[in-house]
C-alpha atoms as a PDB file:
ATOM      1  CA  MET A   1    -195.143 129.835-140.663  1.00  0.00           C
ATOM      2  CA  ARG A   2    -197.522 127.078-141.719  1.00  0.00           C
ATOM      3  CA  SER A   3    -198.688 127.287-145.304  1.00  0.00           C
ATOM      4  CA  ARG A   4    -202.307 126.530-146.076  1.00  0.00           C
ATOM      5  CA  ASN A   5    -201.909 126.249-149.845  1.00  0.00           C
ATOM      6  CA  HIS A   6    -203.865 123.034-150.070  1.00  0.00           C
ATOM      7  CA  LYS A   7    -203.410 122.748-153.826  1.00  0.00           C
ATOM      8  CA  ARG A   8    -199.753 122.061-153.180  1.00  0.00           C
ATOM      9  CA  LEU A   9    -199.901 120.554-149.702  1.00  0.00           C
ATOM     10  CA  LEU A  10    -202.047 117.756-148.306  1.00  0.00           C
ATOM     11  CA  LEU A  11    -202.626 117.368-144.604  1.00  0.00           C
ATOM     12  CA  PHE A  12    -204.550 114.175-143.905  1.00  0.00           C
ATOM     13  CA  LEU A  13    -204.910 112.878-140.402  1.00  0.00           C
ATOM     14  CA  VAL A  14    -206.367 109.559-139.323  1.00  0.00           C
ATOM     15  CA  VAL A  15    -206.178 108.416-135.723  1.00  0.00           C
ATOM     16  CA  PRO A  16    -207.470 104.823-135.515  1.00  0.00           C
ATOM     17  CA  LYS A  17    -207.832 104.257-131.771  1.00  0.00           C
ATOM     18  CA  GLY A  18    -204.903 106.453-130.833  1.00  0.00           C
ATOM     19  CA  LEU A  19    -202.511 105.741-133.747  1.00  0.00           C
ATOM     20  CA  ALA A  20    -201.716 108.906-135.736  1.00  0.00           C
ATOM     21  CA  LEU A  21    -200.916 108.694-139.429  1.00  0.00           C
ATOM     22  CA  LEU A  22    -199.936 111.871-141.223  1.00  0.00           C
ATOM     23  CA  LEU A  23    -199.431 111.928-144.971  1.00  0.00           C
ATOM     24  CA  LEU A  24    -197.954 114.996-146.616  1.00  0.00           C
ATOM     25  CA  GLN A  25    -197.893 115.437-150.364  1.00  0.00           C
ATOM     26  CA  LYS A  26    -196.271 118.096-152.515  1.00  0.00           C
ATOM     27  CA  GLY A  27    -196.869 118.112-156.242  1.00  0.00           C
ATOM     28  CA  LYS A  28    -196.910 114.558-157.670  1.00  0.00           C
ATOM     29  CA  PRO A  29    -194.350 112.616-155.659  1.00  0.00           C
ATOM     30  CA  THR A  30    -192.881 109.213-156.301  1.00  0.00           C
ATOM     31  CA  MET A  31    -193.677 106.318-153.975  1.00  0.00           C
ATOM     32  CA  LYS A  32    -190.376 106.912-152.203  1.00  0.00           C
ATOM     33  CA  ASN A  33    -191.065 110.506-151.273  1.00  0.00           C
ATOM     34  CA  ARG A  34    -194.702 109.745-150.523  1.00  0.00           C
ATOM     35  CA  LEU A  35    -193.566 107.534-147.688  1.00  0.00           C
ATOM     36  CA  SER A  36    -190.763 109.705-146.359  1.00  0.00           C
ATOM     37  CA  PRO A  37    -193.023 112.258-144.594  1.00  0.00           C
ATOM     38  CA  ILE A  38    -194.445 109.490-142.413  1.00  0.00           C
ATOM     39  CA  VAL A  39    -191.071 109.307-140.653  1.00  0.00           C
ATOM     40  CA  ILE A  40    -191.344 112.940-139.565  1.00  0.00           C
ATOM     41  CA  ALA A  41    -195.099 112.857-138.916  1.00  0.00           C
ATOM     42  CA  VAL A  42    -194.881 112.839-135.140  1.00  0.00           C
ATOM     43  CA  VAL A  43    -192.442 115.772-135.130  1.00  0.00           C
ATOM     44  CA  MET A  44    -194.526 117.811-137.572  1.00  0.00           C
ATOM     45  CA  LEU A  45    -197.936 117.082-136.054  1.00  0.00           C
ATOM     46  CA  ALA A  46    -197.876 119.863-133.466  1.00  0.00           C
ATOM     47  CA  ILE A  47    -196.697 122.378-136.070  1.00  0.00           C
ATOM     48  CA  PHE A  48    -199.428 121.603-138.564  1.00  0.00           C
ATOM     49  CA  LEU A  49    -202.220 121.563-136.000  1.00  0.00           C
ATOM     50  CA  ALA A  50    -201.354 125.042-134.740  1.00  0.00           C
ATOM     51  CA  PRO A  51    -203.339 127.696-136.669  1.00  0.00           C
ATOM     52  CA  THR A  52    -201.265 130.474-138.179  1.00  0.00           C
ATOM     53  CA  PRO A  53    -202.269 133.943-136.965  1.00  0.00           C
ATOM     54  CA  ALA A  54    -203.494 136.240-139.697  1.00  0.00           C
ATOM     55  CA  ALA A  55    -201.182 138.917-138.324  1.00  0.00           C
ATOM     56  CA  ALA A  56    -198.175 136.739-139.122  1.00  0.00           C
ATOM     57  CA  GLN A  57    -199.473 136.180-142.634  1.00  0.00           C
ATOM     58  CA  ALA A  58    -200.154 139.840-143.315  1.00  0.00           C
ATOM     59  CA  GLY A  59    -197.217 141.275-141.380  1.00  0.00           C
ATOM     60  CA  THR A  60    -199.491 143.461-139.254  1.00  0.00           C
ATOM     61  CA  ALA A  61    -199.360 144.073-135.521  1.00  0.00           C
ATOM     62  CA  LYS A  62    -200.964 141.444-133.345  1.00  0.00           C
ATOM     63  CA  LYS A  63    -204.336 142.414-131.945  1.00  0.00           C
ATOM     64  CA  THR A  64    -204.722 142.532-128.195  1.00  0.00           C
ATOM     65  CA  ILE A  65    -208.029 141.980-126.443  1.00  0.00           C
ATOM     66  CA  ASN A  66    -209.250 141.688-122.901  1.00  0.00           C
ATOM     67  CA  THR A  67    -210.594 138.146-122.953  1.00  0.00           C
ATOM     68  CA  ASN A  68    -212.372 138.812-119.679  1.00  0.00           C
ATOM     69  CA  GLY A  69    -214.207 141.801-121.133  1.00  0.00           C
ATOM     70  CA  PRO A  70    -218.005 141.984-121.301  1.00  0.00           C
ATOM     71  CA  THR A  71    -220.035 139.605-123.441  1.00  0.00           C
ATOM     72  CA  PRO A  72    -220.979 141.249-126.762  1.00  0.00           C
ATOM     73  CA  ARG A  73    -224.685 141.313-127.554  1.00  0.00           C
ATOM     74  CA  LEU A  74    -226.873 141.123-130.646  1.00  0.00           C
ATOM     75  CA  PRO A  75    -229.488 143.822-131.334  1.00  0.00           C
ATOM     76  CA  ASN A  76    -232.073 141.523-129.703  1.00  0.00           C
ATOM     77  CA  GLY A  77    -229.970 141.408-126.513  1.00  0.00           C
ATOM     78  CA  LYS A  78    -228.812 137.794-126.862  1.00  0.00           C
ATOM     79  CA  PRO A  79    -225.088 136.903-126.654  1.00  0.00           C
ATOM     80  CA  ASP A  80    -223.187 137.485-129.896  1.00  0.00           C
ATOM     81  CA  PHE A  81    -220.900 134.534-130.690  1.00  0.00           C
ATOM     82  CA  ARG A  82    -219.309 136.139-133.732  1.00  0.00           C
ATOM     83  CA  GLY A  83    -215.562 135.722-134.052  1.00  0.00           C
ATOM     84  CA  THR A  84    -212.877 133.215-135.009  1.00  0.00           C
ATOM     85  CA  TRP A  85    -212.408 130.563-132.345  1.00  0.00           C
ATOM     86  CA  ALA A  86    -209.713 128.122-131.301  1.00  0.00           C
ATOM     87  CA  ARG A  87    -211.148 124.807-130.205  1.00  0.00           C
ATOM     88  CA  PRO A  88    -209.366 121.950-128.429  1.00  0.00           C
ATOM     89  CA  TYR A  89    -208.152 119.399-130.961  1.00  0.00           C
ATOM     90  CA  THR A  90    -209.975 116.279-129.755  1.00  0.00           C
ATOM     91  CA  PRO A  91    -209.173 113.181-131.812  1.00  0.00           C
ATOM     92  CA  ASP A  92    -210.542 111.056-128.950  1.00  0.00           C
ATOM     93  CA  ILE A  93    -213.671 112.299-127.167  1.00  0.00           C
ATOM     94  CA  THR A  94    -212.942 110.159-124.089  1.00  0.00           C
ATOM     95  CA  LYS A  95    -209.884 112.241-123.130  1.00  0.00           C
ATOM     96  CA  SER A  96    -209.837 115.217-120.743  1.00  0.00           C
ATOM     97  CA  PHE A  97    -207.205 117.943-120.980  1.00  0.00           C
ATOM     98  CA  VAL A  98    -206.502 121.675-120.825  1.00  0.00           C
ATOM     99  CA  ASN A  99    -204.264 123.328-123.432  1.00  0.00           C
ATOM    100  CA  ARG A 100    -201.884 126.232-122.898  1.00  0.00           C
ATOM    101  CA  ASP A 101    -204.145 128.529-124.935  1.00  0.00           C
ATOM    102  CA  GLY A 102    -207.033 127.910-122.538  1.00  0.00           C
ATOM    103  CA  THR A 103    -209.014 125.545-124.754  1.00  0.00           C
ATOM    104  CA  SER A 104    -210.074 122.360-123.026  1.00  0.00           C
ATOM    105  CA  ASN A 105    -211.998 119.131-123.359  1.00  0.00           C
ATOM    106  CA  LYS A 106    -213.730 117.086-120.670  1.00  0.00           C
ATOM    107  CA  GLY A 107    -214.792 113.679-121.920  1.00  0.00           C
ATOM    108  CA  GLU A 108    -216.153 110.465-120.481  1.00  0.00           C
ATOM    109  CA  ALA A 109    -213.294 108.013-119.998  1.00  0.00           C
ATOM    110  CA  VAL A 110    -215.485 104.957-120.622  1.00  0.00           C
ATOM    111  CA  LEU A 111    -218.360 104.990-123.090  1.00  0.00           C
ATOM    112  CA  PRO A 112    -221.358 102.674-122.490  1.00  0.00           C
ATOM    113  CA  PHE A 113    -221.634 100.853-125.810  1.00  0.00           C
ATOM    114  CA  THR A 114    -224.564  98.675-126.752  1.00  0.00           C
ATOM    115  CA  ALA A 115    -223.721  95.443-128.573  1.00  0.00           C
ATOM    116  CA  TRP A 116    -224.366  97.228-131.889  1.00  0.00           C
ATOM    117  CA  GLY A 117    -222.257 100.216-130.874  1.00  0.00           C
ATOM    118  CA  GLN A 118    -219.383  98.026-129.694  1.00  0.00           C
ATOM    119  CA  LYS A 119    -219.353  96.271-133.057  1.00  0.00           C
ATOM    120  CA  GLN A 120    -219.185  99.604-134.900  1.00  0.00           C
ATOM    121  CA  TRP A 121    -216.235 100.621-132.711  1.00  0.00           C
ATOM    122  CA  ASP A 122    -214.429  97.285-133.012  1.00  0.00           C
ATOM    123  CA  ASP A 123    -214.888  97.119-136.790  1.00  0.00           C
ATOM    124  CA  TYR A 124    -213.727 100.674-137.490  1.00  0.00           C
ATOM    125  CA  ASN A 125    -210.608 100.381-139.651  1.00  0.00           C
ATOM    126  CA  PRO A 126    -209.896 103.494-141.756  1.00  0.00           C
ATOM    127  CA  THR A 127    -206.690 101.997-143.158  1.00  0.00           C
ATOM    128  CA  LYS A 128    -208.568  99.028-144.630  1.00  0.00           C
ATOM    129  CA  ASN A 129    -211.972 100.566-145.351  1.00  0.00           C
ATOM    130  CA  GLY A 130    -211.095 104.240-145.759  1.00  0.00           C
ATOM    131  CA  ASP A 131    -212.179 107.202-143.706  1.00  0.00           C
ATOM    132  CA  TYR A 132    -214.896 109.473-145.038  1.00  0.00           C
ATOM    133  CA  ALA A 133    -212.865 112.579-144.157  1.00  0.00           C
ATOM    134  CA  GLY A 134    -209.981 111.344-146.296  1.00  0.00           C
ATOM    135  CA  SER A 135    -212.418 111.083-149.212  1.00  0.00           C
ATOM    136  CA  CYS A 136    -213.356 114.737-148.604  1.00  0.00           C
ATOM    137  CA  MET A 137    -216.863 114.063-147.348  1.00  0.00           C
ATOM    138  CA  PRO A 138    -218.420 116.452-144.783  1.00  0.00           C
ATOM    139  CA  PHE A 139    -217.160 115.814-141.264  1.00  0.00           C
ATOM    140  CA  GLY A 140    -220.517 116.212-139.498  1.00  0.00           C
ATOM    141  CA  TRP A 141    -221.061 117.894-136.143  1.00  0.00           C
ATOM    142  CA  ILE A 142    -218.523 117.404-133.325  1.00  0.00           C
ATOM    143  CA  ARG A 143    -215.691 116.151-135.536  1.00  0.00           C
ATOM    144  CA  SER A 144    -215.885 119.445-137.463  1.00  0.00           C
ATOM    145  CA  PHE A 145    -214.902 121.408-134.364  1.00  0.00           C
ATOM    146  CA  SER A 146    -211.210 120.535-134.815  1.00  0.00           C
ATOM    147  CA  PRO A 147    -208.478 121.103-135.755  1.00  0.00           C
ATOM    148  CA  HIS A 148    -208.487 124.048-138.218  1.00  0.00           C
ATOM    149  CA  PRO A 149    -209.914 127.554-137.592  1.00  0.00           C
ATOM    150  CA  MET A 150    -213.650 128.156-137.308  1.00  0.00           C
ATOM    151  CA  GLN A 151    -215.518 131.428-137.660  1.00  0.00           C
ATOM    152  CA  ILE A 152    -219.001 132.123-136.338  1.00  0.00           C
ATOM    153  CA  VAL A 153    -221.306 134.579-138.120  1.00  0.00           C
ATOM    154  CA  GLN A 154    -224.594 135.464-136.447  1.00  0.00           C
ATOM    155  CA  ASN A 155    -227.654 137.691-136.480  1.00  0.00           C
ATOM    156  CA  ASP A 156    -230.950 137.716-134.609  1.00  0.00           C
ATOM    157  CA  GLU A 157    -232.389 134.829-136.642  1.00  0.00           C
ATOM    158  CA  HIS A 158    -229.471 132.542-137.585  1.00  0.00           C
ATOM    159  CA  ILE A 159    -226.021 131.365-136.559  1.00  0.00           C
ATOM    160  CA  ALA A 160    -223.516 130.123-139.144  1.00  0.00           C
ATOM    161  CA  PHE A 161    -220.398 128.048-138.535  1.00  0.00           C
ATOM    162  CA  LEU A 162    -217.679 128.498-141.158  1.00  0.00           C
ATOM    163  CA  PHE A 163    -215.148 125.673-140.892  1.00  0.00           C
ATOM    164  CA  GLU A 164    -211.812 126.064-142.652  1.00  0.00           C
ATOM    165  CA  GLN A 165    -211.573 122.271-142.803  1.00  0.00           C
ATOM    166  CA  SER A 166    -212.740 121.349-146.316  1.00  0.00           C
ATOM    167  CA  THR A 167    -214.449 124.781-146.532  1.00  0.00           C
ATOM    168  CA  MET A 168    -217.504 123.342-144.759  1.00  0.00           C
ATOM    169  CA  PHE A 169    -220.310 125.417-143.285  1.00  0.00           C
ATOM    170  CA  ALA A 170    -223.526 124.957-141.333  1.00  0.00           C
ATOM    171  CA  VAL A 171    -226.309 127.539-141.035  1.00  0.00           C
ATOM    172  CA  VAL A 172    -228.788 127.060-138.190  1.00  0.00           C
ATOM    173  CA  PRO A 173    -231.987 129.025-137.464  1.00  0.00           C
ATOM    174  CA  THR A 174    -232.189 130.190-133.845  1.00  0.00           C
ATOM    175  CA  ASP A 175    -235.828 131.283-133.696  1.00  0.00           C
ATOM    176  CA  GLY A 176    -237.172 128.128-132.053  1.00  0.00           C
ATOM    177  CA  ARG A 177    -238.758 126.649-135.168  1.00  0.00           C
ATOM    178  CA  PRO A 178    -239.473 122.874-135.270  1.00  0.00           C
ATOM    179  CA  HIS A 179    -237.502 120.351-137.287  1.00  0.00           C
ATOM    180  CA  ARG A 180    -238.323 120.093-140.975  1.00  0.00           C
ATOM    181  CA  GLU A 181    -240.713 117.450-142.251  1.00  0.00           C
ATOM    182  CA  GLY A 182    -239.488 115.241-145.071  1.00  0.00           C
ATOM    183  CA  TYR A 183    -235.916 116.557-144.834  1.00  0.00           C
ATOM    184  CA  PRO A 184    -233.425 114.043-146.310  1.00  0.00           C
ATOM    185  CA  PRO A 185    -230.810 112.549-143.932  1.00  0.00           C
ATOM    186  CA  THR A 186    -227.500 114.424-144.034  1.00  0.00           C
ATOM    187  CA  TRP A 187    -224.024 114.505-142.496  1.00  0.00           C
ATOM    188  CA  PHE A 188    -224.920 117.388-140.147  1.00  0.00           C
ATOM    189  CA  GLY A 189    -228.536 116.347-139.738  1.00  0.00           C
ATOM    190  CA  ASP A 190    -231.501 118.695-139.462  1.00  0.00           C
ATOM    191  CA  THR A 191    -230.357 121.291-136.929  1.00  0.00           C
ATOM    192  CA  VAL A 192    -232.533 123.960-135.301  1.00  0.00           C
ATOM    193  CA  GLY A 193    -231.851 126.346-132.432  1.00  0.00           C
ATOM    194  CA  LYS A 194    -233.551 128.122-129.576  1.00  0.00           C
ATOM    195  CA  TRP A 195    -232.579 130.282-126.610  1.00  0.00           C
ATOM    196  CA  ASP A 196    -232.809 129.481-122.905  1.00  0.00           C
ATOM    197  CA  GLY A 197    -231.907 132.827-121.372  1.00  0.00           C
ATOM    198  CA  ASP A 198    -228.355 133.529-122.552  1.00  0.00           C
ATOM    199  CA  THR A 199    -227.713 129.905-123.542  1.00  0.00           C
ATOM    200  CA  LEU A 200    -228.073 128.945-127.210  1.00  0.00           C
ATOM    201  CA  ILE A 201    -229.320 125.374-127.662  1.00  0.00           C
ATOM    202  CA  LEU A 202    -228.947 123.588-131.000  1.00  0.00           C
ATOM    203  CA  GLU A 203    -230.631 120.239-131.612  1.00  0.00           C
ATOM    204  CA  ALA A 204    -229.732 117.991-134.553  1.00  0.00           C
ATOM    205  CA  VAL A 205    -231.609 114.895-135.758  1.00  0.00           C
ATOM    206  CA  ASN A 206    -232.074 112.978-139.018  1.00  0.00           C
ATOM    207  CA  PHE A 207    -228.452 112.007-139.660  1.00  0.00           C
ATOM    208  CA  ASN A 208    -227.260 109.779-142.493  1.00  0.00           C
ATOM    209  CA  GLY A 209    -225.384 107.621-139.954  1.00  0.00           C
ATOM    210  CA  TRP A 210    -222.007 107.812-141.705  1.00  0.00           C
ATOM    211  CA  ALA A 211    -220.169 110.411-139.616  1.00  0.00           C
ATOM    212  CA  LYS A 212    -218.091 109.752-136.490  1.00  0.00           C
ATOM    213  CA  LEU A 213    -217.791 111.751-133.283  1.00  0.00           C
ATOM    214  CA  ASP A 214    -214.016 112.036-133.604  1.00  0.00           C
ATOM    215  CA  THR A 215    -211.014 110.967-135.673  1.00  0.00           C
ATOM    216  CA  SER A 216    -210.637 107.806-133.601  1.00  0.00           C
ATOM    217  CA  GLY A 217    -213.978 106.608-134.944  1.00  0.00           C
ATOM    218  CA  HIS A 218    -216.395 106.714-132.005  1.00  0.00           C
ATOM    219  CA  PRO A 219    -219.740 105.959-133.657  1.00  0.00           C
ATOM    220  CA  PHE A 220    -223.272 107.224-133.557  1.00  0.00           C
ATOM    221  CA  SER A 221    -226.314 106.065-135.505  1.00  0.00           C
ATOM    222  CA  LYS A 222    -228.705 107.750-137.905  1.00  0.00           C
ATOM    223  CA  ASP A 223    -231.316 107.714-135.120  1.00  0.00           C
ATOM    224  CA  ALA A 224    -229.265 109.822-132.685  1.00  0.00           C
ATOM    225  CA  LYS A 225    -230.344 113.161-131.230  1.00  0.00           C
ATOM    226  CA  LEU A 226    -227.473 115.588-130.673  1.00  0.00           C
ATOM    227  CA  THR A 227    -227.950 118.568-128.354  1.00  0.00           C
ATOM    228  CA  MET A 228    -225.305 121.310-128.274  1.00  0.00           C
ATOM    229  CA  THR A 229    -225.205 124.351-125.993  1.00  0.00           C
ATOM    230  CA  PHE A 230    -223.201 127.555-126.347  1.00  0.00           C
ATOM    231  CA  LYS A 231    -222.558 130.136-123.622  1.00  0.00           C
ATOM    232  CA  ARG A 232    -220.357 133.240-123.906  1.00  0.00           C
ATOM    233  CA  PRO A 233    -219.603 134.302-120.325  1.00  0.00           C
ATOM    234  CA  ASP A 234    -217.186 137.037-121.441  1.00  0.00           C
ATOM    235  CA  LEU A 235    -215.509 138.416-124.558  1.00  0.00           C
ATOM    236  CA  GLY A 236    -212.891 135.718-125.025  1.00  0.00           C
ATOM    237  CA  HIS A 237    -214.518 132.368-124.253  1.00  0.00           C
ATOM    238  CA  ILE A 238    -217.308 130.050-125.341  1.00  0.00           C
ATOM    239  CA  GLN A 239    -218.457 127.282-123.027  1.00  0.00           C
ATOM    240  CA  PHE A 240    -219.575 124.492-125.329  1.00  0.00           C
ATOM    241  CA  THR A 241    -221.293 121.250-124.360  1.00  0.00           C
ATOM    242  CA  TRP A 242    -222.781 118.443-126.371  1.00  0.00           C
ATOM    243  CA  GLY A 243    -224.913 115.505-125.384  1.00  0.00           C
ATOM    244  CA  LEU A 244    -225.867 112.519-127.525  1.00  0.00           C
ATOM    245  CA  ASP A 245    -229.006 110.477-126.991  1.00  0.00           C
ATOM    246  CA  ASP A 246    -228.555 107.384-129.141  1.00  0.00           C
ATOM    247  CA  PRO A 247    -230.021 104.184-127.625  1.00  0.00           C
ATOM    248  CA  LYS A 248    -228.889 102.153-130.621  1.00  0.00           C
ATOM    249  CA  THR A 249    -225.214 102.925-129.946  1.00  0.00           C
ATOM    250  CA  TYR A 250    -225.004 103.756-126.226  1.00  0.00           C
ATOM    251  CA  THR A 251    -226.912 102.377-123.252  1.00  0.00           C
ATOM    252  CA  ARG A 252    -227.365 105.888-121.863  1.00  0.00           C
ATOM    253  CA  PRO A 253    -226.856 109.456-123.127  1.00  0.00           C
ATOM    254  CA  ILE A 254    -223.210 110.555-123.332  1.00  0.00           C
ATOM    255  CA  LYS A 255    -221.841 114.080-122.955  1.00  0.00           C
ATOM    256  CA  ASN A 256    -218.780 116.267-123.420  1.00  0.00           C
ATOM    257  CA  GLU A 257    -217.677 119.750-122.301  1.00  0.00           C
ATOM    258  CA  ARG A 258    -215.261 122.096-124.080  1.00  0.00           C
ATOM    259  CA  VAL A 259    -213.944 125.652-123.915  1.00  0.00           C
ATOM    260  CA  PHE A 260    -213.275 127.701-127.063  1.00  0.00           C
ATOM    261  CA  VAL A 261    -210.998 130.749-127.035  1.00  0.00           C
ATOM    262  CA  LEU A 262    -211.330 133.852-129.226  1.00  0.00           C
ATOM    263  CA  THR A 263    -208.475 134.265-131.738  1.00  0.00           C
ATOM    264  CA  PRO A 264    -208.856 137.682-133.414  1.00  0.00           C
ATOM    265  CA  ASP A 265    -205.565 137.308-135.318  1.00  0.00           C
ATOM    266  CA  VAL A 266    -206.605 134.097-137.075  1.00  0.00           C
ATOM    267  CA  GLU A 267    -208.624 134.103-140.282  1.00  0.00           C
ATOM    268  CA  VAL A 268    -210.455 131.289-142.043  1.00  0.00           C
ATOM    269  CA  MET A 269    -208.924 130.458-145.419  1.00  0.00           C
ATOM    270  CA  GLU A 270    -209.924 128.279-148.364  1.00  0.00           C
ATOM    271  CA  TYR A 271    -209.272 124.561-147.909  1.00  0.00           C
ATOM    272  CA  SER A 272    -209.785 122.532-151.083  1.00  0.00           C
ATOM    273  CA  CYS A 273    -209.631 118.955-149.836  1.00  0.00           C
ATOM    274  CA  ILE A 274    -210.043 117.155-153.149  1.00  0.00           C
ATOM    275  CA  GLU A 275    -207.214 119.092-154.836  1.00  0.00           C
ATOM    276  CA  GLY A 276    -204.763 117.604-152.373  1.00  0.00           C
ATOM    277  CA  ASN A 277    -206.338 114.154-152.061  1.00  0.00           C
ATOM    278  CA  ILE A 278    -207.311 113.261-155.618  1.00  0.00           C
ATOM    279  CA  ASP A 279    -203.996 111.661-156.623  1.00  0.00           C
ATOM    280  CA  ASN A 280    -203.722 109.704-153.388  1.00  0.00           C
ATOM    281  CA  LEU A 281    -207.300 108.449-153.722  1.00  0.00           C
ATOM    282  CA  LEU A 282    -206.860 107.432-157.358  1.00  0.00           C
ATOM    283  CA  THR A 283    -203.573 105.641-156.706  1.00  0.00           C
ATOM    284  CA  GLY A 284    -204.725 103.976-153.492  1.00  0.00           C
ATOM    285  CA  VAL A 285    -202.278 105.712-151.152  1.00  0.00           C
ATOM    286  CA  VAL A 286    -205.427 106.800-149.304  1.00  0.00           C
ATOM    287  CA  THR A 287    -208.148 104.136-149.290  1.00  0.00           C
ATOM    288  CA  PRO A 288    -211.345 105.533-150.848  1.00  0.00           C
ATOM    289  CA  TRP A 289    -214.314 105.487-148.482  1.00  0.00           C
ATOM    290  CA  ARG A 290    -217.746 104.146-149.446  1.00  0.00           C
ATOM    291  CA  PRO A 291    -220.954 104.036-147.407  1.00  0.00           C
ATOM    292  CA  PRO A 292    -221.371 100.677-145.624  1.00  0.00           C
ATOM    293  CA  GLU A 293    -223.585  98.297-147.550  1.00  0.00           C
ATOM    294  CA  ASP A 294    -224.961  96.601-144.441  1.00  0.00           C
ATOM    295  CA  GLN A 295    -226.117  99.738-142.606  1.00  0.00           C
ATOM    296  CA  ASP A 296    -229.555  99.255-141.094  1.00  0.00           C
END
């Protein structure tokens, strides 16, 4: 059973253009035993990315559901997305795959970079310059959707995403209100929602420009507009799509499709990123990340 005691155990994953680096730390190790987990990283990766069912933690019977059952509804009649959801771990948004648990990702194999976007991609080097996630900064939309559990809480006016990763959250109004005026740029941007029939549409703008779309480092700029849609065709699945309109980074809008699967036996737990990373950041085992000085 995978432990999630992040005060004693650090799970830090960086995938620079397909190369996985996994650092595990227990207590305050010496340099020798800091490096030894790297040898077993590939073997352990699948184990650590698999969420542990709450039933296994609590010793209770596993819940059974009919995933093809009817779509639950809110009091206002709209689809109710509440639940804890498995999402496809997608360190590279250009890949397409279907997992055994039914989660899936459909990406674009080739992304149409502008000259500026290509430079951001070519220059991305988390080993040399650090990765913001390793410095415990917010992941931002899209990258937050994997790999750890995520719970959705919802009512007639708002939807909230509770990410176990770094104990992040995002609360979005769903009443069709406009974007805020004078809102400061942020990691998740200014996100508002509206309904189109049974489809929930979330639109995010006003980013700080520091987040990436995935662990591999696919970029987007502070001027991007991100549109996400959520459909719940039955009890056990969410059909999720996102599209990015970012002329500074891509010559045309890009898109992605995913399927989430309900996991009633998984619970979101506390994840204190800095407790595990502080020693590695201070000693330079993990390169501290800083905002780029030349960002325009």
